[in-house]
Amino acid sequence: MIRILQLLLICSLIAGCAPLQKTPTATSTYDFGVLYPLNNEPAASQAPQLQLQKKSLLITDVTSPAWLDNTAIHYRLIYHNPAQTFTYRNSRWIATPAALFSQQLRNRVASQLDELVIKDGSTAKSDRMLDIELKELVQLFETATDSHVVFGLRASLIERNSRKLLAQKDFSISEKAPSADAAGAVFAMSVASNHLLNELVDWLNAVSPDN
């Protein structure tokens, strides 16, 4: 009888300690947010609109280096070791940054340039091809509390039939993060993404062979 009481006491103690165990932390998922124009004057982007309507543009899927080809949100501690990268444990993208930017880019070009945007080269013929290579997407900490993000890419406009390189340019945007965490990084990266989209649209206008 005493042994049974001892076992019941032990079980009650274990049950009483159970609520003290840590529950797994939920993972937060992010994308680049809602598209919005950064320029209040759309005339610059619309100037060659009628001419661009005659051309079709294949926007290929954005590519990225191996270290960015995942859903992790990356950061570096510049004040500690700038050569080392880290990722946030409980925060990630809903898809790879390259996939997220691909969709935003197609939407922005189609809406601002009235370009005939083609997603898949096997389904329709295009006059030109826009190739985007993601180069950098990272949060950089100057101190433990101050950080900014860098969003960089290379754009290449190619004539589809001849494979001639019509134009190429490197783009890089730096944006201060409002907080020293994943949410701050995502906010700054979303703003940088919109800046890049507007710069890409302006660049496409400038290098269009129809101008």
N, C-alpha and C. Protein backbone atom coordinates (compact mmCIF):
# COMPACT_ATOMS: atom_id res chain seq x y z
N MET A 1 0.82 -1.21 0.00
CA MET A 1 0.00 0.00 0.00
C MET A 1 0.86 1.26 0.00
N ILE A 2 1.89 1.23 0.81
CA ILE A 2 2.80 2.37 0.88
C ILE A 2 3.48 2.60 -0.45
N ARG A 3 3.85 1.46 -1.11
CA ARG A 3 4.53 1.56 -2.41
C ARG A 3 3.61 2.20 -3.45
N ILE A 4 2.32 1.85 -3.40
CA ILE A 4 1.36 2.42 -4.35
C ILE A 4 1.22 3.92 -4.13
N LEU A 5 1.17 4.32 -2.85
CA LEU A 5 1.06 5.75 -2.53
C LEU A 5 2.28 6.52 -3.02
N GLN A 6 3.47 5.89 -2.89
CA GLN A 6 4.70 6.53 -3.36
C GLN A 6 4.67 6.74 -4.88
N LEU A 7 4.17 5.73 -5.59
CA LEU A 7 4.08 5.84 -7.04
C LEU A 7 3.10 6.93 -7.46
N LEU A 8 1.97 7.02 -6.74
CA LEU A 8 1.00 8.06 -7.04
C LEU A 8 1.57 9.44 -6.77
N LEU A 9 2.38 9.57 -5.72
CA LEU A 9 3.00 10.86 -5.39
C LEU A 9 3.99 11.29 -6.47
N ILE A 10 4.76 10.32 -6.94
CA ILE A 10 5.74 10.61 -8.00
C ILE A 10 5.03 11.05 -9.28
N CYS A 11 3.95 10.34 -9.63
CA CYS A 11 3.20 10.69 -10.84
C CYS A 11 2.60 12.08 -10.75
N SER A 12 2.10 12.43 -9.54
CA SER A 12 1.52 13.76 -9.38
C SER A 12 2.56 14.85 -9.50
N LEU A 13 3.76 14.58 -9.01
CA LEU A 13 4.84 15.56 -9.12
C LEU A 13 5.25 15.77 -10.57
N ILE A 14 5.31 14.66 -11.32
CA ILE A 14 5.67 14.76 -12.74
C ILE A 14 4.61 15.55 -13.50
N ALA A 15 3.35 15.24 -13.20
CA ALA A 15 2.25 15.96 -13.86
C ALA A 15 2.27 17.44 -13.52
N GLY A 16 2.64 17.76 -12.30
CA GLY A 16 2.70 19.16 -11.89
C GLY A 16 3.81 19.91 -12.58
N CYS A 17 4.87 19.23 -12.96
CA CYS A 17 5.99 19.88 -13.64
C CYS A 17 5.76 20.02 -15.15
N ALA A 18 4.81 19.27 -15.69
CA ALA A 18 4.60 19.27 -17.14
C ALA A 18 4.37 20.66 -17.72
N PRO A 19 3.55 21.53 -17.09
CA PRO A 19 3.32 22.86 -17.68
C PRO A 19 4.57 23.71 -17.75
N LEU A 20 5.62 23.35 -17.03
CA LEU A 20 6.85 24.13 -17.05
C LEU A 20 7.68 23.87 -18.30
N GLN A 21 7.35 22.79 -19.04
CA GLN A 21 8.10 22.49 -20.25
C GLN A 21 7.80 23.52 -21.32
N LYS A 22 8.81 23.91 -22.07
CA LYS A 22 8.66 24.92 -23.11
C LYS A 22 7.94 24.34 -24.32
N THR A 23 6.99 25.09 -24.82
CA THR A 23 6.30 24.68 -26.04
C THR A 23 7.06 25.23 -27.25
N PRO A 24 7.02 24.49 -28.37
CA PRO A 24 7.74 24.96 -29.57
C PRO A 24 7.25 26.34 -30.01
N THR A 25 8.18 27.19 -30.41
CA THR A 25 7.83 28.53 -30.88
C THR A 25 7.34 28.46 -32.32
N ALA A 26 6.22 29.12 -32.59
CA ALA A 26 5.67 29.11 -33.95
C ALA A 26 6.59 29.85 -34.91
N THR A 27 6.64 29.38 -36.14
CA THR A 27 7.47 30.00 -37.16
C THR A 27 6.67 31.07 -37.91
N SER A 28 7.24 32.26 -38.03
CA SER A 28 6.61 33.35 -38.77
C SER A 28 7.07 33.30 -40.22
N THR A 29 6.11 33.43 -41.13
CA THR A 29 6.43 33.42 -42.57
C THR A 29 6.13 34.78 -43.18
N TYR A 30 6.94 35.16 -44.17
CA TYR A 30 6.84 36.49 -44.78
C TYR A 30 6.95 36.41 -46.29
N ASP A 31 6.44 37.47 -46.95
CA ASP A 31 6.74 37.69 -48.36
C ASP A 31 7.21 39.13 -48.50
N PHE A 32 7.27 39.66 -49.73
CA PHE A 32 7.76 41.02 -49.94
C PHE A 32 6.67 42.08 -49.78
N GLY A 33 5.49 41.69 -49.33
CA GLY A 33 4.44 42.66 -49.06
C GLY A 33 3.68 43.06 -50.31
N VAL A 34 2.86 44.09 -50.16
CA VAL A 34 1.99 44.57 -51.23
C VAL A 34 2.77 45.48 -52.17
N LEU A 35 2.56 45.28 -53.46
CA LEU A 35 3.21 46.16 -54.45
C LEU A 35 2.62 47.56 -54.37
N TYR A 36 3.49 48.56 -54.41
CA TYR A 36 3.01 49.94 -54.45
C TYR A 36 4.00 50.78 -55.23
N PRO A 37 3.52 51.74 -56.02
CA PRO A 37 4.43 52.60 -56.80
C PRO A 37 5.13 53.60 -55.90
N LEU A 38 6.41 53.78 -56.10
CA LEU A 38 7.17 54.74 -55.31
C LEU A 38 7.18 56.11 -55.96
N ASN A 39 6.85 56.18 -57.23
CA ASN A 39 6.84 57.45 -57.93
C ASN A 39 5.42 57.99 -57.99
N ASN A 40 5.22 59.23 -57.57
CA ASN A 40 3.91 59.85 -57.65
C ASN A 40 3.58 60.33 -59.05
N GLU A 41 4.61 60.43 -59.89
CA GLU A 41 4.43 60.89 -61.26
C GLU A 41 4.71 59.73 -62.21
N PRO A 42 3.68 59.07 -62.72
CA PRO A 42 3.88 57.90 -63.57
C PRO A 42 4.28 58.23 -65.00
N ALA A 43 4.35 59.51 -65.35
CA ALA A 43 4.60 59.88 -66.74
C ALA A 43 5.92 59.33 -67.26
N ALA A 44 6.95 59.32 -66.39
CA ALA A 44 8.27 58.86 -66.84
C ALA A 44 8.21 57.41 -67.28
N SER A 45 7.41 56.58 -66.58
CA SER A 45 7.33 55.18 -66.93
C SER A 45 6.38 54.94 -68.09
N GLN A 46 5.47 55.88 -68.37
CA GLN A 46 4.48 55.67 -69.39
C GLN A 46 4.84 56.30 -70.73
N ALA A 47 5.91 57.06 -70.80
CA ALA A 47 6.25 57.81 -72.00
C ALA A 47 6.32 56.94 -73.25
N PRO A 48 7.10 55.81 -73.23
CA PRO A 48 7.20 55.00 -74.44
C PRO A 48 6.18 53.86 -74.47
N GLN A 49 5.06 54.02 -73.74
CA GLN A 49 4.14 52.93 -73.54
C GLN A 49 3.58 52.38 -74.85
N LEU A 50 3.16 53.27 -75.74
CA LEU A 50 2.53 52.82 -76.98
C LEU A 50 3.49 52.01 -77.83
N GLN A 51 4.76 52.36 -77.80
CA GLN A 51 5.74 51.62 -78.58
C GLN A 51 6.00 50.26 -77.96
N LEU A 52 6.07 50.20 -76.59
CA LEU A 52 6.38 48.95 -75.94
C LEU A 52 5.26 47.94 -76.10
N GLN A 53 4.03 48.38 -76.37
CA GLN A 53 2.92 47.47 -76.52
C GLN A 53 3.13 46.54 -77.72
N LYS A 54 3.96 46.95 -78.66
CA LYS A 54 4.19 46.15 -79.86
C LYS A 54 5.17 45.01 -79.60
N LYS A 55 5.82 45.02 -78.46
CA LYS A 55 6.81 44.02 -78.16
C LYS A 55 6.34 43.08 -77.05
N SER A 56 6.81 41.86 -77.11
CA SER A 56 6.53 40.90 -76.04
C SER A 56 7.82 40.60 -75.30
N LEU A 57 7.69 40.44 -74.00
CA LEU A 57 8.87 40.27 -73.15
C LEU A 57 8.73 39.01 -72.31
N LEU A 58 9.67 38.10 -72.46
CA LEU A 58 9.74 36.92 -71.62
C LEU A 58 10.54 37.26 -70.36
N ILE A 59 9.89 37.21 -69.21
CA ILE A 59 10.58 37.42 -67.93
C ILE A 59 10.84 36.06 -67.31
N THR A 60 12.07 35.63 -67.39
CA THR A 60 12.41 34.30 -66.89
C THR A 60 12.39 34.29 -65.37
N ASP A 61 12.36 33.10 -64.80
CA ASP A 61 12.41 32.98 -63.34
C ASP A 61 13.74 33.55 -62.84
N VAL A 62 13.66 34.37 -61.82
CA VAL A 62 14.87 34.95 -61.23
C VAL A 62 15.74 33.85 -60.65
N THR A 63 17.03 33.94 -60.89
CA THR A 63 17.97 32.96 -60.34
C THR A 63 18.70 33.56 -59.16
N SER A 64 19.34 32.71 -58.37
CA SER A 64 20.06 33.19 -57.19
C SER A 64 21.20 32.24 -56.87
N PRO A 65 22.22 32.70 -56.15
CA PRO A 65 23.30 31.82 -55.73
C PRO A 65 22.78 30.76 -54.75
N ALA A 66 23.55 29.71 -54.55
CA ALA A 66 23.10 28.58 -53.74
C ALA A 66 22.71 29.00 -52.32
N TRP A 67 23.45 29.95 -51.73
CA TRP A 67 23.18 30.31 -50.35
C TRP A 67 21.87 31.08 -50.18
N LEU A 68 21.33 31.63 -51.29
CA LEU A 68 20.05 32.33 -51.24
C LEU A 68 18.90 31.49 -51.78
N ASP A 69 19.20 30.30 -52.27
CA ASP A 69 18.19 29.45 -52.89
C ASP A 69 17.45 28.63 -51.83
N ASN A 70 16.85 29.31 -50.88
CA ASN A 70 16.10 28.68 -49.79
C ASN A 70 15.17 29.73 -49.19
N THR A 71 14.45 29.36 -48.14
CA THR A 71 13.48 30.29 -47.55
C THR A 71 14.02 30.98 -46.29
N ALA A 72 15.29 30.84 -46.02
CA ALA A 72 15.87 31.46 -44.81
C ALA A 72 16.03 32.97 -45.00
N ILE A 73 15.95 33.70 -43.88
CA ILE A 73 16.21 35.14 -43.86
C ILE A 73 17.60 35.34 -43.28
N HIS A 74 18.51 35.87 -44.07
CA HIS A 74 19.93 35.91 -43.72
C HIS A 74 20.35 37.25 -43.11
N TYR A 75 21.34 37.17 -42.22
CA TYR A 75 21.93 38.40 -41.67
C TYR A 75 23.40 38.17 -41.35
N ARG A 76 24.13 39.27 -41.25
CA ARG A 76 25.55 39.24 -40.89
C ARG A 76 25.80 40.21 -39.74
N LEU A 77 26.71 39.85 -38.86
CA LEU A 77 27.14 40.72 -37.77
C LEU A 77 28.45 41.38 -38.18
N ILE A 78 28.34 42.54 -38.82
CA ILE A 78 29.52 43.23 -39.33
C ILE A 78 30.50 43.56 -38.20
N TYR A 79 29.97 43.92 -37.04
CA TYR A 79 30.82 44.30 -35.91
C TYR A 79 31.52 43.10 -35.29
N HIS A 80 31.08 41.90 -35.63
CA HIS A 80 31.67 40.69 -35.04
C HIS A 80 32.52 39.93 -36.05
N ASN A 81 31.89 39.45 -37.12
CA ASN A 81 32.60 38.72 -38.17
C ASN A 81 31.82 38.87 -39.48
N PRO A 82 32.19 39.83 -40.31
CA PRO A 82 31.43 40.11 -41.54
C PRO A 82 31.44 38.97 -42.55
N ALA A 83 32.34 38.01 -42.40
CA ALA A 83 32.42 36.90 -43.35
C ALA A 83 31.46 35.76 -43.01
N GLN A 84 30.81 35.85 -41.85
CA GLN A 84 29.93 34.77 -41.42
C GLN A 84 28.47 35.18 -41.57
N THR A 85 27.65 34.27 -42.10
CA THR A 85 26.22 34.54 -42.26
C THR A 85 25.43 33.72 -41.25
N PHE A 86 24.30 34.29 -40.83
CA PHE A 86 23.38 33.63 -39.90
C PHE A 86 21.98 33.67 -40.50
N THR A 87 21.10 32.84 -39.97
CA THR A 87 19.70 32.86 -40.38
C THR A 87 18.82 32.90 -39.13
N TYR A 88 17.66 33.54 -39.27
CA TYR A 88 16.71 33.59 -38.16
C TYR A 88 16.06 32.22 -37.98
N ARG A 89 15.99 31.78 -36.73
CA ARG A 89 15.53 30.41 -36.46
C ARG A 89 14.04 30.24 -36.69
N ASN A 90 13.23 31.18 -36.24
CA ASN A 90 11.77 31.03 -36.27
C ASN A 90 11.08 31.97 -37.25
N SER A 91 11.83 32.43 -38.27
CA SER A 91 11.26 33.30 -39.30
C SER A 91 11.81 32.87 -40.65
N ARG A 92 10.94 32.88 -41.65
CA ARG A 92 11.38 32.47 -43.00
C ARG A 92 10.46 33.09 -44.04
N TRP A 93 10.88 33.01 -45.31
CA TRP A 93 10.05 33.43 -46.43
C TRP A 93 9.06 32.33 -46.77
N ILE A 94 7.92 32.69 -47.37
CA ILE A 94 6.96 31.67 -47.76
C ILE A 94 7.42 30.92 -49.01
N ALA A 95 8.36 31.52 -49.73
CA ALA A 95 8.99 30.89 -50.90
C ALA A 95 10.39 31.47 -51.00
N THR A 96 11.19 30.98 -51.92
CA THR A 96 12.53 31.54 -52.06
C THR A 96 12.43 33.00 -52.49
N PRO A 97 13.38 33.85 -52.08
CA PRO A 97 13.36 35.26 -52.52
C PRO A 97 13.31 35.41 -54.04
N ALA A 98 13.99 34.52 -54.74
CA ALA A 98 13.97 34.59 -56.21
C ALA A 98 12.56 34.37 -56.75
N ALA A 99 11.83 33.41 -56.19
CA ALA A 99 10.46 33.15 -56.65
C ALA A 99 9.54 34.32 -56.31
N LEU A 100 9.70 34.89 -55.11
CA LEU A 100 8.87 36.02 -54.71
C LEU A 100 9.11 37.23 -55.61
N PHE A 101 10.37 37.50 -55.92
CA PHE A 101 10.69 38.67 -56.76
C PHE A 101 10.26 38.44 -58.20
N SER A 102 10.32 37.20 -58.68
CA SER A 102 9.89 36.90 -60.04
C SER A 102 8.44 37.31 -60.26
N GLN A 103 7.57 36.94 -59.32
CA GLN A 103 6.16 37.25 -59.47
C GLN A 103 5.91 38.75 -59.38
N GLN A 104 6.58 39.41 -58.42
CA GLN A 104 6.40 40.85 -58.30
C GLN A 104 6.89 41.59 -59.55
N LEU A 105 7.99 41.13 -60.11
CA LEU A 105 8.54 41.76 -61.30
C LEU A 105 7.58 41.65 -62.48
N ARG A 106 7.02 40.47 -62.70
CA ARG A 106 6.07 40.29 -63.80
C ARG A 106 4.84 41.18 -63.61
N ASN A 107 4.35 41.24 -62.39
CA ASN A 107 3.17 42.07 -62.12
C ASN A 107 3.46 43.55 -62.36
N ARG A 108 4.64 44.00 -61.91
CA ARG A 108 4.97 45.42 -62.04
C ARG A 108 5.17 45.81 -63.51
N VAL A 109 5.91 44.99 -64.26
CA VAL A 109 6.15 45.30 -65.67
C VAL A 109 4.84 45.31 -66.45
N ALA A 110 4.00 44.33 -66.19
CA ALA A 110 2.72 44.24 -66.91
C ALA A 110 1.81 45.42 -66.59
N SER A 111 1.84 45.89 -65.34
CA SER A 111 0.93 46.96 -64.95
C SER A 111 1.45 48.34 -65.33
N GLN A 112 2.77 48.54 -65.32
CA GLN A 112 3.31 49.88 -65.57
C GLN A 112 3.73 50.11 -67.01
N LEU A 113 4.10 49.06 -67.72
CA LEU A 113 4.57 49.25 -69.08
C LEU A 113 3.57 48.78 -70.13
N ASP A 114 2.50 48.15 -69.71
CA ASP A 114 1.56 47.54 -70.66
C ASP A 114 2.30 46.61 -71.62
N GLU A 115 3.33 45.99 -71.10
CA GLU A 115 4.13 45.06 -71.89
C GLU A 115 3.41 43.72 -71.96
N LEU A 116 3.52 43.04 -73.09
CA LEU A 116 3.00 41.70 -73.20
C LEU A 116 3.99 40.77 -72.50
N VAL A 117 3.70 40.46 -71.25
CA VAL A 117 4.63 39.71 -70.42
C VAL A 117 4.38 38.21 -70.57
N ILE A 118 5.43 37.48 -70.86
CA ILE A 118 5.36 36.03 -71.02
C ILE A 118 6.15 35.38 -69.89
N LYS A 119 5.54 34.39 -69.28
CA LYS A 119 6.16 33.72 -68.14
C LYS A 119 6.97 32.51 -68.57
N ASP A 120 6.45 31.76 -69.56
CA ASP A 120 7.07 30.51 -69.97
C ASP A 120 7.38 30.57 -71.45
N GLY A 121 8.66 30.46 -71.79
CA GLY A 121 9.09 30.56 -73.17
C GLY A 121 8.62 29.41 -74.04
N SER A 122 8.15 28.32 -73.44
CA SER A 122 7.71 27.17 -74.22
C SER A 122 6.27 27.31 -74.69
N THR A 123 5.55 28.28 -74.13
CA THR A 123 4.13 28.42 -74.47
C THR A 123 3.86 29.54 -75.48
N ALA A 124 4.76 30.48 -75.61
CA ALA A 124 4.54 31.60 -76.53
C ALA A 124 5.88 32.18 -76.96
N LYS A 125 5.89 32.76 -78.16
CA LYS A 125 7.10 33.38 -78.68
C LYS A 125 7.22 34.81 -78.17
N SER A 126 8.43 35.20 -77.85
CA SER A 126 8.67 36.56 -77.36
C SER A 126 9.75 37.24 -78.19
N ASP A 127 9.71 38.57 -78.19
CA ASP A 127 10.71 39.34 -78.91
C ASP A 127 12.00 39.50 -78.12
N ARG A 128 11.81 39.73 -76.81
CA ARG A 128 12.96 39.96 -75.94
C ARG A 128 12.83 39.12 -74.67
N MET A 129 13.94 39.00 -73.96
CA MET A 129 13.96 38.21 -72.73
C MET A 129 14.67 39.02 -71.64
N LEU A 130 14.06 39.08 -70.48
CA LEU A 130 14.66 39.75 -69.33
C LEU A 130 15.14 38.70 -68.35
N ASP A 131 16.42 38.70 -68.10
CA ASP A 131 17.04 37.73 -67.20
C ASP A 131 17.52 38.46 -65.95
N ILE A 132 17.09 37.99 -64.78
CA ILE A 132 17.46 38.62 -63.51
C ILE A 132 18.22 37.62 -62.65
N GLU A 133 19.37 38.05 -62.16
CA GLU A 133 20.16 37.22 -61.25
C GLU A 133 20.26 37.93 -59.90
N LEU A 134 19.67 37.32 -58.88
CA LEU A 134 19.75 37.87 -57.53
C LEU A 134 21.17 37.71 -56.99
N LYS A 135 21.76 38.81 -56.55
CA LYS A 135 23.15 38.78 -56.09
C LYS A 135 23.28 38.84 -54.57
N GLU A 136 22.42 39.62 -53.93
CA GLU A 136 22.56 39.87 -52.49
C GLU A 136 21.19 40.18 -51.88
N LEU A 137 20.91 39.57 -50.75
CA LEU A 137 19.72 39.89 -49.97
C LEU A 137 20.01 39.51 -48.52
N VAL A 138 20.43 40.51 -47.76
CA VAL A 138 20.92 40.21 -46.42
C VAL A 138 20.76 41.43 -45.52
N GLN A 139 20.60 41.17 -44.23
CA GLN A 139 20.56 42.23 -43.22
C GLN A 139 21.94 42.34 -42.60
N LEU A 140 22.47 43.56 -42.54
CA LEU A 140 23.81 43.79 -42.02
C LEU A 140 23.72 44.59 -40.72
N PHE A 141 24.28 44.03 -39.66
CA PHE A 141 24.27 44.69 -38.36
C PHE A 141 25.60 45.42 -38.14
N GLU A 142 25.53 46.76 -38.07
CA GLU A 142 26.71 47.54 -37.72
C GLU A 142 26.98 47.44 -36.22
N THR A 143 25.92 47.42 -35.43
CA THR A 143 25.98 47.19 -33.99
C THR A 143 24.87 46.20 -33.65
N ALA A 144 24.73 45.89 -32.38
CA ALA A 144 23.69 44.93 -31.99
C ALA A 144 22.28 45.48 -32.20
N THR A 145 22.15 46.80 -32.34
CA THR A 145 20.82 47.41 -32.46
C THR A 145 20.60 48.15 -33.78
N ASP A 146 21.66 48.44 -34.51
CA ASP A 146 21.54 49.19 -35.77
C ASP A 146 21.87 48.28 -36.95
N SER A 147 20.98 48.28 -37.93
CA SER A 147 21.20 47.42 -39.09
C SER A 147 20.54 48.02 -40.33
N HIS A 148 20.96 47.53 -41.49
CA HIS A 148 20.33 47.87 -42.76
C HIS A 148 20.36 46.64 -43.64
N VAL A 149 19.55 46.64 -44.69
CA VAL A 149 19.53 45.52 -45.61
C VAL A 149 20.12 45.95 -46.94
N VAL A 150 20.67 44.99 -47.66
CA VAL A 150 21.18 45.21 -49.01
C VAL A 150 20.48 44.24 -49.94
N PHE A 151 19.89 44.78 -51.00
CA PHE A 151 19.17 43.98 -51.99
C PHE A 151 19.83 44.28 -53.34
N GLY A 152 20.52 43.31 -53.89
CA GLY A 152 21.25 43.54 -55.14
C GLY A 152 20.94 42.49 -56.19
N LEU A 153 20.96 42.91 -57.46
CA LEU A 153 20.69 41.99 -58.56
C LEU A 153 21.35 42.49 -59.84
N ARG A 154 21.42 41.61 -60.83
CA ARG A 154 21.91 41.96 -62.16
C ARG A 154 20.82 41.67 -63.19
N ALA A 155 20.53 42.66 -64.02
CA ALA A 155 19.48 42.52 -65.04
C ALA A 155 20.11 42.50 -66.43
N SER A 156 19.64 41.59 -67.27
CA SER A 156 20.14 41.48 -68.64
C SER A 156 18.95 41.41 -69.59
N LEU A 157 18.93 42.32 -70.57
CA LEU A 157 17.89 42.34 -71.60
C LEU A 157 18.47 41.73 -72.87
N ILE A 158 17.83 40.68 -73.36
CA ILE A 158 18.38 39.89 -74.45
C ILE A 158 17.38 39.82 -75.60
N GLU A 159 17.87 39.96 -76.83
CA GLU A 159 17.04 39.74 -78.00
C GLU A 159 16.84 38.24 -78.17
N ARG A 160 15.60 37.82 -78.21
CA ARG A 160 15.32 36.38 -78.12
C ARG A 160 15.88 35.58 -79.29
N ASN A 161 15.65 36.02 -80.51
CA ASN A 161 16.04 35.24 -81.68
C ASN A 161 17.56 35.14 -81.84
N SER A 162 18.23 36.28 -81.78
CA SER A 162 19.68 36.31 -82.02
C SER A 162 20.49 36.03 -80.76
N ARG A 163 19.84 36.08 -79.58
CA ARG A 163 20.50 35.94 -78.28
C ARG A 163 21.49 37.07 -78.03
N LYS A 164 21.31 38.17 -78.73
CA LYS A 164 22.17 39.34 -78.56
C LYS A 164 21.84 40.05 -77.24
N LEU A 165 22.90 40.40 -76.51
CA LEU A 165 22.71 41.14 -75.28
C LEU A 165 22.46 42.60 -75.60
N LEU A 166 21.25 43.08 -75.33
CA LEU A 166 20.89 44.45 -75.65
C LEU A 166 21.34 45.43 -74.57
N ALA A 167 21.26 45.02 -73.32
CA ALA A 167 21.65 45.89 -72.20
C ALA A 167 21.81 45.05 -70.95
N GLN A 168 22.66 45.55 -70.07
CA GLN A 168 22.88 44.86 -68.79
C GLN A 168 23.24 45.89 -67.72
N LYS A 169 22.73 45.69 -66.51
CA LYS A 169 23.00 46.64 -65.44
C LYS A 169 22.90 45.95 -64.08
N ASP A 170 23.78 46.36 -63.17
CA ASP A 170 23.73 45.91 -61.78
C ASP A 170 22.96 46.93 -60.95
N PHE A 171 22.05 46.44 -60.12
CA PHE A 171 21.25 47.28 -59.24
C PHE A 171 21.53 46.89 -57.79
N SER A 172 21.57 47.88 -56.91
CA SER A 172 21.75 47.61 -55.49
C SER A 172 21.06 48.68 -54.67
N ILE A 173 20.23 48.24 -53.73
CA ILE A 173 19.48 49.14 -52.87
C ILE A 173 19.84 48.83 -51.42
N SER A 174 20.10 49.89 -50.64
CA SER A 174 20.34 49.76 -49.20
C SER A 174 19.21 50.46 -48.46
N GLU A 175 18.65 49.79 -47.46
CA GLU A 175 17.52 50.34 -46.71
C GLU A 175 17.70 50.05 -45.22
N LYS A 176 17.55 51.07 -44.40
CA LYS A 176 17.70 50.91 -42.96
C LYS A 176 16.56 50.08 -42.39
N ALA A 177 16.88 49.13 -41.51
CA ALA A 177 15.86 48.30 -40.87
C ALA A 177 15.31 49.02 -39.64
N PRO A 178 14.00 49.05 -39.46
CA PRO A 178 13.41 49.76 -38.33
C PRO A 178 13.60 49.07 -36.99
N SER A 179 13.93 47.79 -37.02
CA SER A 179 14.16 47.04 -35.77
C SER A 179 15.21 45.97 -36.00
N ALA A 180 15.87 45.55 -34.92
CA ALA A 180 16.98 44.61 -35.02
C ALA A 180 16.48 43.17 -34.91
N ASP A 181 15.59 42.80 -35.80
CA ASP A 181 15.03 41.45 -35.78
C ASP A 181 14.57 41.08 -37.18
N ALA A 182 13.95 39.89 -37.30
CA ALA A 182 13.51 39.42 -38.61
C ALA A 182 12.43 40.32 -39.19
N ALA A 183 11.50 40.78 -38.35
CA ALA A 183 10.43 41.66 -38.84
C ALA A 183 10.99 42.95 -39.41
N GLY A 184 12.01 43.51 -38.76
CA GLY A 184 12.66 44.71 -39.27
C GLY A 184 13.36 44.45 -40.59
N ALA A 185 14.00 43.28 -40.70
CA ALA A 185 14.67 42.92 -41.95
C ALA A 185 13.68 42.80 -43.08
N VAL A 186 12.56 42.11 -42.83
CA VAL A 186 11.55 41.90 -43.86
C VAL A 186 10.95 43.23 -44.32
N PHE A 187 10.67 44.12 -43.38
CA PHE A 187 10.11 45.43 -43.75
C PHE A 187 11.06 46.18 -44.66
N ALA A 188 12.34 46.23 -44.29
CA ALA A 188 13.33 46.95 -45.10
C ALA A 188 13.53 46.29 -46.46
N MET A 189 13.50 44.96 -46.51
CA MET A 189 13.65 44.25 -47.77
C MET A 189 12.46 44.48 -48.68
N SER A 190 11.27 44.60 -48.10
CA SER A 190 10.07 44.89 -48.89
C SER A 190 10.17 46.27 -49.52
N VAL A 191 10.61 47.26 -48.76
CA VAL A 191 10.79 48.61 -49.29
C VAL A 191 11.85 48.60 -50.39
N ALA A 192 12.97 47.90 -50.15
CA ALA A 192 14.04 47.82 -51.14
C ALA A 192 13.55 47.13 -52.42
N SER A 193 12.72 46.10 -52.26
CA SER A 193 12.18 45.40 -53.42
C SER A 193 11.37 46.34 -54.30
N ASN A 194 10.53 47.17 -53.69
CA ASN A 194 9.73 48.11 -54.46
C ASN A 194 10.59 49.15 -55.16
N HIS A 195 11.65 49.61 -54.49
CA HIS A 195 12.58 50.54 -55.14
C HIS A 195 13.23 49.89 -56.37
N LEU A 196 13.65 48.64 -56.21
CA LEU A 196 14.29 47.94 -57.32
C LEU A 196 13.33 47.76 -58.49
N LEU A 197 12.09 47.43 -58.20
CA LEU A 197 11.10 47.25 -59.26
C LEU A 197 10.91 48.53 -60.06
N ASN A 198 10.84 49.66 -59.37
CA ASN A 198 10.69 50.93 -60.07
C ASN A 198 11.93 51.28 -60.89
N GLU A 199 13.11 51.00 -60.35
CA GLU A 199 14.34 51.26 -61.09
C GLU A 199 14.43 50.37 -62.32
N LEU A 200 13.99 49.12 -62.19
CA LEU A 200 14.02 48.21 -63.33
C LEU A 200 13.07 48.66 -64.43
N VAL A 201 11.88 49.14 -64.05
CA VAL A 201 10.92 49.64 -65.04
C VAL A 201 11.50 50.85 -65.77
N ASP A 202 12.08 51.79 -65.03
CA ASP A 202 12.69 52.96 -65.65
C ASP A 202 13.83 52.56 -66.59
N TRP A 203 14.62 51.58 -66.18
CA TRP A 203 15.74 51.11 -66.99
C TRP A 203 15.23 50.46 -68.27
N LEU A 204 14.17 49.65 -68.16
CA LEU A 204 13.60 49.02 -69.36
C LEU A 204 13.10 50.08 -70.34
N ASN A 205 12.52 51.14 -69.83
CA ASN A 205 12.08 52.23 -70.70
C ASN A 205 13.27 52.85 -71.43
N ALA A 206 14.35 53.06 -70.69
CA ALA A 206 15.51 53.76 -71.25
C ALA A 206 16.22 52.91 -72.31
N VAL A 207 16.27 51.59 -72.13
CA VAL A 207 17.05 50.74 -73.04
C VAL A 207 16.19 50.07 -74.09
N SER A 208 14.89 50.36 -74.10
CA SER A 208 14.01 49.73 -75.08
C SER A 208 14.48 50.05 -76.51
N PRO A 209 14.64 49.05 -77.36
CA PRO A 209 15.06 49.30 -78.75
C PRO A 209 14.05 50.08 -79.54
N ASP A 210 12.85 50.29 -78.99
CA ASP A 210 11.82 51.05 -79.71
C ASP A 210 11.97 52.55 -79.51
N ASN A 211 12.82 52.96 -78.51
CA ASN A 211 12.96 54.40 -78.20
C ASN A 211 13.76 55.10 -79.30
